[in-house]
Protein backbone atom coordinates (compact mmCIF):
# COMPACT_ATOMS: atom_id res chain seq x y z
CA UNK A 1 0.00 0.00 0.00
CA UNK A 2 2.94 2.33 0.55
CA UNK A 3 3.78 2.11 -3.16
CA UNK A 4 0.45 3.78 -3.93
CA UNK A 5 1.50 6.89 -2.00
CA UNK A 6 4.85 6.94 -3.77
CA UNK A 7 3.10 6.74 -7.14
CA UNK A 8 0.72 9.55 -6.21
CA UNK A 9 3.64 11.70 -5.04
CA UNK A 10 5.56 10.99 -8.24
CA UNK A 11 2.54 11.90 -10.39
CA UNK A 12 2.11 15.14 -8.43
CA UNK A 13 5.77 16.09 -8.90
CA UNK A 14 5.69 15.33 -12.63
CA UNK A 15 2.45 17.29 -13.09
CA UNK A 16 3.88 20.24 -11.17
CA UNK A 17 7.13 20.21 -13.16
CA UNK A 18 5.28 20.14 -16.48
CA UNK A 19 3.39 23.26 -15.44
CA UNK A 20 6.14 25.09 -13.56
CA UNK A 21 9.13 24.62 -15.88
CA UNK A 22 7.78 26.71 -18.77
CA UNK A 23 7.02 29.55 -16.34
CA UNK A 24 10.52 29.51 -14.92
CA UNK A 25 12.49 28.83 -18.10
CA UNK A 26 10.68 31.14 -20.53
CA UNK A 27 10.71 34.65 -19.11
CA UNK A 28 10.43 36.70 -22.29
CA UNK A 29 7.37 37.06 -24.49
CA UNK A 30 7.23 34.58 -27.36
CA UNK A 31 7.47 36.60 -30.57
CA UNK A 32 7.58 33.82 -33.16
CA UNK A 33 4.22 33.61 -34.91
CA UNK A 34 4.84 29.94 -35.72
CA UNK A 35 5.37 28.99 -32.06
CA UNK A 36 2.42 31.12 -30.96
CA UNK A 37 0.09 29.47 -33.47
CA UNK A 38 1.48 26.03 -32.58
CA UNK A 39 0.85 26.60 -28.87
CA UNK A 40 -2.62 27.96 -29.65
CA UNK A 41 -3.72 24.67 -31.24
CA UNK A 42 -2.10 22.26 -28.77
CA UNK A 43 -5.14 22.05 -26.43
CA UNK A 44 -7.50 21.33 -29.34
CA UNK A 45 -5.23 18.64 -30.77
CA UNK A 46 -4.80 17.02 -27.36
CA UNK A 47 -8.54 17.01 -26.71
CA UNK A 48 -9.21 15.50 -30.14
CA UNK A 49 -6.55 12.83 -29.63
CA UNK A 50 -8.09 11.80 -26.32
CA UNK A 51 -11.72 12.00 -27.42
CA UNK A 52 -11.69 10.35 -30.85
CA UNK A 53 -10.73 6.80 -29.72
CA UNK A 54 -13.34 7.00 -26.97
CA UNK A 55 -15.96 7.92 -29.57
CA UNK A 56 -15.18 4.91 -31.73
CA UNK A 57 -15.41 2.38 -28.90
CA UNK A 58 -18.30 3.90 -26.93
CA UNK A 59 -20.86 1.48 -28.40
CA UNK A 60 -20.96 -2.22 -29.12
CA UNK A 61 -20.54 -1.67 -32.86
CA UNK A 62 -18.00 0.71 -34.38
CA UNK A 63 -20.44 1.42 -37.23
CA UNK A 64 -22.97 3.01 -34.88
CA UNK A 65 -20.21 5.12 -33.34
CA UNK A 66 -19.10 6.34 -36.76
CA UNK A 67 -22.67 7.19 -37.77
CA UNK A 68 -23.20 9.13 -34.52
CA UNK A 69 -19.88 10.89 -35.00
CA UNK A 70 -20.80 11.83 -38.57
CA UNK A 71 -24.10 13.30 -37.41
CA UNK A 72 -22.27 15.24 -34.70
CA UNK A 73 -19.80 16.63 -37.26
CA UNK A 74 -22.55 17.74 -39.63
CA UNK A 75 -24.49 19.45 -36.85
CA UNK A 76 -21.37 21.07 -35.37
CA UNK A 77 -20.30 22.46 -38.75
CA UNK A 78 -23.81 23.89 -39.09
CA UNK A 79 -23.22 25.72 -35.78
CA UNK A 80 -25.86 23.93 -33.71
CA UNK A 81 -25.66 24.08 -29.92
CA UNK A 82 -23.57 21.61 -27.93
CA UNK A 83 -26.69 20.08 -26.39
CA UNK A 84 -28.25 19.55 -29.81
CA UNK A 85 -25.08 18.02 -31.26
CA UNK A 86 -24.51 15.66 -28.32
CA UNK A 87 -28.14 14.66 -28.04
CA UNK A 88 -28.59 13.98 -31.74
CA UNK A 89 -25.35 11.99 -31.91
CA UNK A 90 -26.43 9.84 -28.96
CA UNK A 91 -29.91 9.24 -30.38
CA UNK A 92 -28.59 8.37 -33.85
CA UNK A 93 -25.95 6.01 -32.39
CA UNK A 94 -28.61 4.37 -30.22
CA UNK A 95 -31.05 3.89 -33.13
CA UNK A 96 -28.27 2.57 -35.36
CA UNK A 97 -27.29 0.14 -32.62
CA UNK A 98 -30.90 -1.10 -32.46
CA UNK A 99 -30.87 -1.84 -36.19
CA UNK A 100 -27.53 -3.67 -36.02
CA UNK A 101 -28.65 -6.18 -33.41
PDB file of N, CA and C in Angstrom:
ATOM      1  N   UNK A   1       0.817  -1.202   0.000  1.00  0.00           N
ATOM      2  CA  UNK A   1       0.000   0.000   0.000  1.00  0.00           C
ATOM      3  C   UNK A   1       0.856   1.261   0.000  1.00  0.00           C
ATOM      4  N   UNK A   2       2.063   1.164   0.534  1.00  0.00           N
ATOM      5  CA  UNK A   2       2.943   2.332   0.553  1.00  0.00           C
ATOM      6  C   UNK A   2       3.380   2.741  -0.844  1.00  0.00           C
ATOM      7  N   UNK A   3       3.435   1.781  -1.775  1.00  0.00           N
ATOM      8  CA  UNK A   3       3.781   2.115  -3.156  1.00  0.00           C
ATOM      9  C   UNK A   3       2.756   3.046  -3.779  1.00  0.00           C
ATOM     10  N   UNK A   4       1.506   2.922  -3.383  1.00  0.00           N
ATOM     11  CA  UNK A   4       0.455   3.777  -3.933  1.00  0.00           C
ATOM     12  C   UNK A   4       0.754   5.234  -3.596  1.00  0.00           C
ATOM     13  N   UNK A   5       1.177   5.517  -2.390  1.00  0.00           N
ATOM     14  CA  UNK A   5       1.496   6.892  -2.001  1.00  0.00           C
ATOM     15  C   UNK A   5       2.717   7.405  -2.754  1.00  0.00           C
ATOM     16  N   UNK A   6       3.678   6.544  -2.992  1.00  0.00           N
ATOM     17  CA  UNK A   6       4.851   6.943  -3.766  1.00  0.00           C
ATOM     18  C   UNK A   6       4.457   7.270  -5.204  1.00  0.00           C
ATOM     19  N   UNK A   7       3.565   6.474  -5.772  1.00  0.00           N
ATOM     20  CA  UNK A   7       3.098   6.736  -7.136  1.00  0.00           C
ATOM     21  C   UNK A   7       2.337   8.055  -7.212  1.00  0.00           C
ATOM     22  N   UNK A   8       1.488   8.304  -6.236  1.00  0.00           N
ATOM     23  CA  UNK A   8       0.718   9.553  -6.211  1.00  0.00           C
ATOM     24  C   UNK A   8       1.664  10.745  -6.071  1.00  0.00           C
ATOM     25  N   UNK A   9       2.665  10.621  -5.213  1.00  0.00           N
ATOM     26  CA  UNK A   9       3.640  11.700  -5.037  1.00  0.00           C
ATOM     27  C   UNK A   9       4.425  11.929  -6.323  1.00  0.00           C
ATOM     28  N   UNK A  10       4.836  10.866  -6.984  1.00  0.00           N
ATOM     29  CA  UNK A  10       5.562  10.993  -8.240  1.00  0.00           C
ATOM     30  C   UNK A  10       4.711  11.659  -9.314  1.00  0.00           C
ATOM     31  N   UNK A  11       3.442  11.276  -9.405  1.00  0.00           N
ATOM     32  CA  UNK A  11       2.545  11.899 -10.387  1.00  0.00           C
ATOM     33  C   UNK A  11       2.356  13.380 -10.077  1.00  0.00           C
ATOM     34  N   UNK A  12       2.255  13.738  -8.803  1.00  0.00           N
ATOM     35  CA  UNK A  12       2.106  15.143  -8.426  1.00  0.00           C
ATOM     36  C   UNK A  12       3.340  15.945  -8.803  1.00  0.00           C
ATOM     37  N   UNK A  13       4.527  15.388  -8.561  1.00  0.00           N
ATOM     38  CA  UNK A  13       5.774  16.086  -8.900  1.00  0.00           C
ATOM     39  C   UNK A  13       5.885  16.275 -10.405  1.00  0.00           C
ATOM     40  N   UNK A  14       5.593  15.230 -11.172  1.00  0.00           N
ATOM     41  CA  UNK A  14       5.685  15.330 -12.632  1.00  0.00           C
ATOM     42  C   UNK A  14       4.681  16.354 -13.160  1.00  0.00           C
ATOM     43  N   UNK A  15       3.467  16.334 -12.649  1.00  0.00           N
ATOM     44  CA  UNK A  15       2.453  17.292 -13.085  1.00  0.00           C
ATOM     45  C   UNK A  15       2.878  18.721 -12.747  1.00  0.00           C
ATOM     46  N   UNK A  16       3.425  18.904 -11.568  1.00  0.00           N
ATOM     47  CA  UNK A  16       3.882  20.236 -11.168  1.00  0.00           C
ATOM     48  C   UNK A  16       5.022  20.709 -12.062  1.00  0.00           C
ATOM     49  N   UNK A  17       5.988  19.820 -12.333  1.00  0.00           N
ATOM     50  CA  UNK A  17       7.128  20.207 -13.157  1.00  0.00           C
ATOM     51  C   UNK A  17       6.705  20.582 -14.571  1.00  0.00           C
ATOM     52  N   UNK A  18       5.760  19.829 -15.127  1.00  0.00           N
ATOM     53  CA  UNK A  18       5.277  20.137 -16.475  1.00  0.00           C
ATOM     54  C   UNK A  18       4.667  21.533 -16.533  1.00  0.00           C
ATOM     55  N   UNK A  19       4.033  21.942 -15.459  1.00  0.00           N
ATOM     56  CA  UNK A  19       3.390  23.263 -15.442  1.00  0.00           C
ATOM     57  C   UNK A  19       4.336  24.367 -15.002  1.00  0.00           C
ATOM     58  N   UNK A  20       5.274  24.056 -14.128  1.00  0.00           N
ATOM     59  CA  UNK A  20       6.140  25.089 -13.563  1.00  0.00           C
ATOM     60  C   UNK A  20       7.365  25.388 -14.420  1.00  0.00           C
ATOM     61  N   UNK A  21       7.910  24.401 -15.095  1.00  0.00           N
ATOM     62  CA  UNK A  21       9.128  24.618 -15.881  1.00  0.00           C
ATOM     63  C   UNK A  21       8.971  25.673 -16.984  1.00  0.00           C
ATOM     64  N   UNK A  22       7.901  25.650 -17.759  1.00  0.00           N
ATOM     65  CA  UNK A  22       7.778  26.711 -18.770  1.00  0.00           C
ATOM     66  C   UNK A  22       7.716  28.107 -18.155  1.00  0.00           C
ATOM     67  N   UNK A  23       7.098  28.234 -16.982  1.00  0.00           N
ATOM     68  CA  UNK A  23       7.015  29.550 -16.343  1.00  0.00           C
ATOM     69  C   UNK A  23       8.371  30.032 -15.861  1.00  0.00           C
ATOM     70  N   UNK A  24       9.225  29.111 -15.437  1.00  0.00           N
ATOM     71  CA  UNK A  24      10.523  29.510 -14.921  1.00  0.00           C
ATOM     72  C   UNK A  24      11.583  29.623 -16.016  1.00  0.00           C
ATOM     73  N   UNK A  25      11.477  28.822 -17.067  1.00  0.00           N
ATOM     74  CA  UNK A  25      12.495  28.833 -18.104  1.00  0.00           C
ATOM     75  C   UNK A  25      12.257  29.877 -19.185  1.00  0.00           C
ATOM     76  N   UNK A  26      11.009  30.173 -19.479  1.00  0.00           N
ATOM     77  CA  UNK A  26      10.683  31.141 -20.533  1.00  0.00           C
ATOM     78  C   UNK A  26      10.194  32.418 -19.867  1.00  0.00           C
ATOM     79  N   UNK A  27      11.054  33.392 -19.791  1.00  0.00           N
ATOM     80  CA  UNK A  27      10.714  34.646 -19.111  1.00  0.00           C
ATOM     81  C   UNK A  27      10.291  35.745 -20.080  1.00  0.00           C
ATOM     82  N   UNK A  28      10.768  35.665 -21.313  1.00  0.00           N
ATOM     83  CA  UNK A  28      10.430  36.695 -22.289  1.00  0.00           C
ATOM     84  C   UNK A  28       9.158  36.316 -23.049  1.00  0.00           C
ATOM     85  N   UNK A  29       8.552  37.303 -23.667  1.00  0.00           N
ATOM     86  CA  UNK A  29       7.372  37.058 -24.486  1.00  0.00           C
ATOM     87  C   UNK A  29       7.790  36.295 -25.749  1.00  0.00           C
ATOM     88  N   UNK A  30       6.965  35.342 -26.146  1.00  0.00           N
ATOM     89  CA  UNK A  30       7.234  34.580 -27.362  1.00  0.00           C
ATOM     90  C   UNK A  30       6.804  35.432 -28.545  1.00  0.00           C
ATOM     91  N   UNK A  31       7.763  35.721 -29.440  1.00  0.00           N
ATOM     92  CA  UNK A  31       7.471  36.601 -30.575  1.00  0.00           C
ATOM     93  C   UNK A  31       7.295  35.855 -31.886  1.00  0.00           C
ATOM     94  N   UNK A  32       7.699  34.607 -31.934  1.00  0.00           N
ATOM     95  CA  UNK A  32       7.577  33.821 -33.158  1.00  0.00           C
ATOM     96  C   UNK A  32       6.108  33.500 -33.416  1.00  0.00           C
ATOM     97  N   UNK A  33       5.626  33.881 -34.585  1.00  0.00           N
ATOM     98  CA  UNK A  33       4.217  33.609 -34.907  1.00  0.00           C
ATOM     99  C   UNK A  33       3.972  32.110 -35.077  1.00  0.00           C
ATOM    100  N   UNK A  34       4.991  31.389 -35.561  1.00  0.00           N
ATOM    101  CA  UNK A  34       4.838  29.943 -35.717  1.00  0.00           C
ATOM    102  C   UNK A  34       4.651  29.269 -34.353  1.00  0.00           C
ATOM    103  N   UNK A  35       5.480  29.605 -33.393  1.00  0.00           N
ATOM    104  CA  UNK A  35       5.371  28.990 -32.062  1.00  0.00           C
ATOM    105  C   UNK A  35       4.079  29.410 -31.385  1.00  0.00           C
ATOM    106  N   UNK A  36       3.691  30.665 -31.542  1.00  0.00           N
ATOM    107  CA  UNK A  36       2.423  31.123 -30.958  1.00  0.00           C
ATOM    108  C   UNK A  36       1.234  30.352 -31.537  1.00  0.00           C
ATOM    109  N   UNK A  37       1.212  30.187 -32.860  1.00  0.00           N
ATOM    110  CA  UNK A  37       0.091  29.465 -33.468  1.00  0.00           C
ATOM    111  C   UNK A  37       0.133  27.990 -33.097  1.00  0.00           C
ATOM    112  N   UNK A  38       1.344  27.421 -33.004  1.00  0.00           N
ATOM    113  CA  UNK A  38       1.475  26.026 -32.582  1.00  0.00           C
ATOM    114  C   UNK A  38       0.929  25.838 -31.169  1.00  0.00           C
ATOM    115  N   UNK A  39       1.316  26.702 -30.253  1.00  0.00           N
ATOM    116  CA  UNK A  39       0.845  26.599 -28.867  1.00  0.00           C
ATOM    117  C   UNK A  39      -0.642  26.892 -28.744  1.00  0.00           C
ATOM    118  N   UNK A  40      -1.175  27.677 -29.677  1.00  0.00           N
ATOM    119  CA  UNK A  40      -2.616  27.963 -29.651  1.00  0.00           C
ATOM    120  C   UNK A  40      -3.441  26.710 -29.938  1.00  0.00           C
ATOM    121  N   UNK A  41      -2.947  25.851 -30.832  1.00  0.00           N
ATOM    122  CA  UNK A  41      -3.715  24.673 -31.240  1.00  0.00           C
ATOM    123  C   UNK A  41      -3.409  23.416 -30.440  1.00  0.00           C
ATOM    124  N   UNK A  42      -2.441  23.439 -29.557  1.00  0.00           N
ATOM    125  CA  UNK A  42      -2.096  22.256 -28.768  1.00  0.00           C
ATOM    126  C   UNK A  42      -3.272  21.745 -27.931  1.00  0.00           C
ATOM    127  N   UNK A  43      -4.011  22.593 -27.213  1.00  0.00           N
ATOM    128  CA  UNK A  43      -5.141  22.054 -26.430  1.00  0.00           C
ATOM    129  C   UNK A  43      -6.204  21.371 -27.293  1.00  0.00           C
ATOM    130  N   UNK A  44      -6.490  21.933 -28.458  1.00  0.00           N
ATOM    131  CA  UNK A  44      -7.496  21.334 -29.336  1.00  0.00           C
ATOM    132  C   UNK A  44      -7.032  19.981 -29.871  1.00  0.00           C
ATOM    133  N   UNK A  45      -5.769  19.900 -30.249  1.00  0.00           N
ATOM    134  CA  UNK A  45      -5.230  18.642 -30.769  1.00  0.00           C
ATOM    135  C   UNK A  45      -5.193  17.577 -29.679  1.00  0.00           C
ATOM    136  N   UNK A  46      -4.837  17.973 -28.478  1.00  0.00           N
ATOM    137  CA  UNK A  46      -4.801  17.024 -27.364  1.00  0.00           C
ATOM    138  C   UNK A  46      -6.196  16.516 -27.041  1.00  0.00           C
ATOM    139  N   UNK A  47      -7.164  17.414 -26.988  1.00  0.00           N
ATOM    140  CA  UNK A  47      -8.535  17.008 -26.710  1.00  0.00           C
ATOM    141  C   UNK A  47      -9.060  16.070 -27.791  1.00  0.00           C
ATOM    142  N   UNK A  48      -8.772  16.363 -29.039  1.00  0.00           N
ATOM    143  CA  UNK A  48      -9.214  15.497 -30.136  1.00  0.00           C
ATOM    144  C   UNK A  48      -8.547  14.130 -30.053  1.00  0.00           C
ATOM    145  N   UNK A  49      -7.264  14.106 -29.721  1.00  0.00           N
ATOM    146  CA  UNK A  49      -6.546  12.827 -29.633  1.00  0.00           C
ATOM    147  C   UNK A  49      -7.066  11.964 -28.491  1.00  0.00           C
ATOM    148  N   UNK A  50      -7.544  12.579 -27.440  1.00  0.00           N
ATOM    149  CA  UNK A  50      -8.092  11.800 -26.321  1.00  0.00           C
ATOM    150  C   UNK A  50      -9.544  11.399 -26.562  1.00  0.00           C
ATOM    151  N   UNK A  51     -10.290  12.235 -27.257  1.00  0.00           N
ATOM    152  CA  UNK A  51     -11.721  12.002 -27.416  1.00  0.00           C
ATOM    153  C   UNK A  51     -12.040  11.037 -28.549  1.00  0.00           C
ATOM    154  N   UNK A  52     -11.334  11.134 -29.660  1.00  0.00           N
ATOM    155  CA  UNK A  52     -11.689  10.351 -30.846  1.00  0.00           C
ATOM    156  C   UNK A  52     -11.677   8.842 -30.606  1.00  0.00           C
ATOM    157  N   UNK A  53     -10.660   8.252 -29.971  1.00  0.00           N
ATOM    158  CA  UNK A  53     -10.728   6.796 -29.717  1.00  0.00           C
ATOM    159  C   UNK A  53     -11.898   6.416 -28.811  1.00  0.00           C
ATOM    160  N   UNK A  54     -12.212   7.284 -27.860  1.00  0.00           N
ATOM    161  CA  UNK A  54     -13.342   7.001 -26.974  1.00  0.00           C
ATOM    162  C   UNK A  54     -14.653   7.016 -27.741  1.00  0.00           C
ATOM    163  N   UNK A  55     -14.755   7.872 -28.745  1.00  0.00           N
ATOM    164  CA  UNK A  55     -15.963   7.923 -29.568  1.00  0.00           C
ATOM    165  C   UNK A  55     -16.137   6.616 -30.326  1.00  0.00           C
ATOM    166  N   UNK A  56     -15.069   6.112 -30.902  1.00  0.00           N
ATOM    167  CA  UNK A  56     -15.175   4.908 -31.729  1.00  0.00           C
ATOM    168  C   UNK A  56     -15.554   3.663 -30.941  1.00  0.00           C
ATOM    169  N   UNK A  57     -15.161   3.593 -29.688  1.00  0.00           N
ATOM    170  CA  UNK A  57     -15.412   2.381 -28.902  1.00  0.00           C
ATOM    171  C   UNK A  57     -16.434   2.600 -27.795  1.00  0.00           C
ATOM    172  N   UNK A  58     -17.287   3.612 -27.936  1.00  0.00           N
ATOM    173  CA  UNK A  58     -18.298   3.900 -26.927  1.00  0.00           C
ATOM    174  C   UNK A  58     -19.514   2.985 -27.044  1.00  0.00           C
ATOM    175  N   UNK A  59     -19.712   2.367 -28.197  1.00  0.00           N
ATOM    176  CA  UNK A  59     -20.856   1.485 -28.403  1.00  0.00           C
ATOM    177  C   UNK A  59     -20.367   0.074 -28.698  1.00  0.00           C
ATOM    178  N   UNK A  60     -21.315  -0.834 -28.829  1.00  0.00           N
ATOM    179  CA  UNK A  60     -20.958  -2.221 -29.119  1.00  0.00           C
ATOM    180  C   UNK A  60     -20.440  -2.401 -30.545  1.00  0.00           C
ATOM    181  N   UNK A  61     -20.930  -1.578 -31.459  1.00  0.00           N
ATOM    182  CA  UNK A  61     -20.536  -1.671 -32.858  1.00  0.00           C
ATOM    183  C   UNK A  61     -19.854  -0.368 -33.272  1.00  0.00           C
ATOM    184  N   UNK A  62     -18.729  -0.474 -33.941  1.00  0.00           N
ATOM    185  CA  UNK A  62     -17.998   0.707 -34.384  1.00  0.00           C
ATOM    186  C   UNK A  62     -18.812   1.478 -35.425  1.00  0.00           C
ATOM    187  N   UNK A  63     -19.623   0.770 -36.190  1.00  0.00           N
ATOM    188  CA  UNK A  63     -20.437   1.416 -37.225  1.00  0.00           C
ATOM    189  C   UNK A  63     -21.393   2.434 -36.609  1.00  0.00           C
ATOM    190  N   UNK A  64     -22.042   2.068 -35.510  1.00  0.00           N
ATOM    191  CA  UNK A  64     -22.973   3.010 -34.883  1.00  0.00           C
ATOM    192  C   UNK A  64     -22.227   4.212 -34.301  1.00  0.00           C
ATOM    193  N   UNK A  65     -21.016   3.995 -33.827  1.00  0.00           N
ATOM    194  CA  UNK A  65     -20.207   5.116 -33.344  1.00  0.00           C
ATOM    195  C   UNK A  65     -19.840   6.062 -34.478  1.00  0.00           C
ATOM    196  N   UNK A  66     -19.474   5.508 -35.612  1.00  0.00           N
ATOM    197  CA  UNK A  66     -19.098   6.336 -36.761  1.00  0.00           C
ATOM    198  C   UNK A  66     -20.298   7.121 -37.279  1.00  0.00           C
ATOM    199  N   UNK A  67     -21.464   6.488 -37.309  1.00  0.00           N
ATOM    200  CA  UNK A  67     -22.674   7.188 -37.769  1.00  0.00           C
ATOM    201  C   UNK A  67     -23.018   8.324 -36.804  1.00  0.00           C
ATOM    202  N   UNK A  68     -22.949   8.072 -35.514  1.00  0.00           N
ATOM    203  CA  UNK A  68     -23.205   9.125 -34.525  1.00  0.00           C
ATOM    204  C   UNK A  68     -22.193  10.255 -34.628  1.00  0.00           C
ATOM    205  N   UNK A  69     -20.936   9.888 -34.849  1.00  0.00           N
ATOM    206  CA  UNK A  69     -19.885  10.888 -35.004  1.00  0.00           C
ATOM    207  C   UNK A  69     -20.115  11.731 -36.254  1.00  0.00           C
ATOM    208  N   UNK A  70     -20.524  11.100 -37.332  1.00  0.00           N
ATOM    209  CA  UNK A  70     -20.798  11.829 -38.574  1.00  0.00           C
ATOM    210  C   UNK A  70     -21.939  12.825 -38.383  1.00  0.00           C
ATOM    211  N   UNK A  71     -22.979  12.395 -37.683  1.00  0.00           N
ATOM    212  CA  UNK A  71     -24.103  13.305 -37.405  1.00  0.00           C
ATOM    213  C   UNK A  71     -23.625  14.473 -36.544  1.00  0.00           C
ATOM    214  N   UNK A  72     -22.796  14.184 -35.563  1.00  0.00           N
ATOM    215  CA  UNK A  72     -22.267  15.245 -34.704  1.00  0.00           C
ATOM    216  C   UNK A  72     -21.423  16.235 -35.508  1.00  0.00           C
ATOM    217  N   UNK A  73     -20.614  15.730 -36.429  1.00  0.00           N
ATOM    218  CA  UNK A  73     -19.800  16.625 -37.261  1.00  0.00           C
ATOM    219  C   UNK A  73     -20.663  17.534 -38.134  1.00  0.00           C
ATOM    220  N   UNK A  74     -21.673  16.946 -38.753  1.00  0.00           N
ATOM    221  CA  UNK A  74     -22.552  17.741 -39.629  1.00  0.00           C
ATOM    222  C   UNK A  74     -23.257  18.829 -38.826  1.00  0.00           C
ATOM    223  N   UNK A  75     -23.788  18.460 -37.671  1.00  0.00           N
ATOM    224  CA  UNK A  75     -24.490  19.454 -36.849  1.00  0.00           C
ATOM    225  C   UNK A  75     -23.539  20.514 -36.303  1.00  0.00           C
ATOM    226  N   UNK A  76     -22.333  20.102 -35.910  1.00  0.00           N
ATOM    227  CA  UNK A  76     -21.366  21.067 -35.372  1.00  0.00           C
ATOM    228  C   UNK A  76     -20.915  22.045 -36.454  1.00  0.00           C
ATOM    229  N   UNK A  77     -20.697  21.554 -37.676  1.00  0.00           N
ATOM    230  CA  UNK A  77     -20.305  22.457 -38.753  1.00  0.00           C
ATOM    231  C   UNK A  77     -21.434  23.398 -39.156  1.00  0.00           C
ATOM    232  N   UNK A  78     -22.666  23.007 -38.844  1.00  0.00           N
ATOM    233  CA  UNK A  78     -23.809  23.886 -39.092  1.00  0.00           C
ATOM    234  C   UNK A  78     -24.109  24.774 -37.888  1.00  0.00           C
ATOM    235  N   UNK A  79     -23.175  24.826 -36.938  1.00  0.00           N
ATOM    236  CA  UNK A  79     -23.222  25.722 -35.777  1.00  0.00           C
ATOM    237  C   UNK A  79     -24.435  25.503 -34.885  1.00  0.00           C
ATOM    238  N   UNK A  80     -24.801  24.255 -34.669  1.00  0.00           N
ATOM    239  CA  UNK A  80     -25.859  23.930 -33.711  1.00  0.00           C
ATOM    240  C   UNK A  80     -25.276  23.956 -32.302  1.00  0.00           C
ATOM    241  N   UNK A  81     -26.127  24.002 -31.305  1.00  0.00           N
ATOM    242  CA  UNK A  81     -25.658  24.077 -29.924  1.00  0.00           C
ATOM    243  C   UNK A  81     -25.040  22.749 -29.485  1.00  0.00           C
ATOM    244  N   UNK A  82     -24.239  22.804 -28.439  1.00  0.00           N
ATOM    245  CA  UNK A  82     -23.569  21.611 -27.931  1.00  0.00           C
ATOM    246  C   UNK A  82     -24.584  20.571 -27.478  1.00  0.00           C
ATOM    247  N   UNK A  83     -25.652  21.014 -26.847  1.00  0.00           N
ATOM    248  CA  UNK A  83     -26.687  20.084 -26.388  1.00  0.00           C
ATOM    249  C   UNK A  83     -27.365  19.398 -27.572  1.00  0.00           C
ATOM    250  N   UNK A  84     -27.625  20.126 -28.617  1.00  0.00           N
ATOM    251  CA  UNK A  84     -28.247  19.554 -29.812  1.00  0.00           C
ATOM    252  C   UNK A  84     -27.320  18.544 -30.477  1.00  0.00           C
ATOM    253  N   UNK A  85     -26.048  18.900 -30.609  1.00  0.00           N
ATOM    254  CA  UNK A  85     -25.077  18.015 -31.257  1.00  0.00           C
ATOM    255  C   UNK A  85     -24.919  16.726 -30.466  1.00  0.00           C
ATOM    256  N   UNK A  86     -24.713  16.847 -29.157  1.00  0.00           N
ATOM    257  CA  UNK A  86     -24.506  15.659 -28.317  1.00  0.00           C
ATOM    258  C   UNK A  86     -25.756  14.795 -28.264  1.00  0.00           C
ATOM    259  N   UNK A  87     -26.895  15.420 -28.112  1.00  0.00           N
ATOM    260  CA  UNK A  87     -28.145  14.658 -28.042  1.00  0.00           C
ATOM    261  C   UNK A  87     -28.449  13.925 -29.330  1.00  0.00           C
ATOM    262  N   UNK A  88     -28.311  14.613 -30.443  1.00  0.00           N
ATOM    263  CA  UNK A  88     -28.591  13.983 -31.735  1.00  0.00           C
ATOM    264  C   UNK A  88     -27.607  12.850 -32.019  1.00  0.00           C
ATOM    265  N   UNK A  89     -26.344  13.048 -31.692  1.00  0.00           N
ATOM    266  CA  UNK A  89     -25.352  11.989 -31.909  1.00  0.00           C
ATOM    267  C   UNK A  89     -25.673  10.760 -31.069  1.00  0.00           C
ATOM    268  N   UNK A  90     -26.078  10.973 -29.826  1.00  0.00           N
ATOM    269  CA  UNK A  90     -26.431   9.840 -28.958  1.00  0.00           C
ATOM    270  C   UNK A  90     -27.659   9.104 -29.477  1.00  0.00           C
ATOM    271  N   UNK A  91     -28.671   9.862 -29.882  1.00  0.00           N
ATOM    272  CA  UNK A  91     -29.905   9.244 -30.379  1.00  0.00           C
ATOM    273  C   UNK A  91     -29.636   8.461 -31.663  1.00  0.00           C
ATOM    274  N   UNK A  92     -28.876   9.045 -32.583  1.00  0.00           N
ATOM    275  CA  UNK A  92     -28.585   8.365 -33.847  1.00  0.00           C
ATOM    276  C   UNK A  92     -27.741   7.117 -33.603  1.00  0.00           C
ATOM    277  N   UNK A  93     -26.767   7.189 -32.708  1.00  0.00           N
ATOM    278  CA  UNK A  93     -25.953   6.012 -32.388  1.00  0.00           C
ATOM    279  C   UNK A  93     -26.812   4.929 -31.745  1.00  0.00           C
ATOM    280  N   UNK A  94     -27.722   5.324 -30.875  1.00  0.00           N
ATOM    281  CA  UNK A  94     -28.611   4.365 -30.222  1.00  0.00           C
ATOM    282  C   UNK A  94     -29.529   3.680 -31.232  1.00  0.00           C
ATOM    283  N   UNK A  95     -30.135   4.456 -32.125  1.00  0.00           N
ATOM    284  CA  UNK A  95     -31.046   3.893 -33.125  1.00  0.00           C
ATOM    285  C   UNK A  95     -30.279   2.991 -34.086  1.00  0.00           C
ATOM    286  N   UNK A  96     -29.098   3.408 -34.489  1.00  0.00           N
ATOM    287  CA  UNK A  96     -28.270   2.570 -35.363  1.00  0.00           C
ATOM    288  C   UNK A  96     -27.912   1.264 -34.678  1.00  0.00           C
ATOM    289  N   UNK A  97     -27.618   1.338 -33.396  1.00  0.00           N
ATOM    290  CA  UNK A  97     -27.291   0.137 -32.621  1.00  0.00           C
ATOM    291  C   UNK A  97     -28.482  -0.810 -32.570  1.00  0.00           C
ATOM    292  N   UNK A  98     -29.690  -0.268 -32.471  1.00  0.00           N
ATOM    293  CA  UNK A  98     -30.897  -1.102 -32.457  1.00  0.00           C
ATOM    294  C   UNK A  98     -31.058  -1.870 -33.776  1.00  0.00           C
ATOM    295  N   UNK A  99     -30.747  -1.195 -34.879  1.00  0.00           N
ATOM    296  CA  UNK A  99     -30.874  -1.840 -36.187  1.00  0.00           C
ATOM    297  C   UNK A  99     -29.788  -2.892 -36.435  1.00  0.00           C
ATOM    298  N   UNK A 100     -28.639  -2.745 -35.809  1.00  0.00           N
ATOM    299  CA  UNK A 100     -27.530  -3.670 -36.022  1.00  0.00           C
ATOM    300  C   UNK A 100     -27.663  -4.958 -35.231  1.00  0.00           C
ATOM    301  N   UNK A 101     -28.515  -4.978 -34.238  1.00  0.00           N
ATOM    302  CA  UNK A 101     -28.650  -6.181 -33.407  1.00  0.00           C
ATOM    303  C   UNK A 101     -29.463  -7.233 -34.072  1.00  0.00           C
TER     304      UNK A 101
END
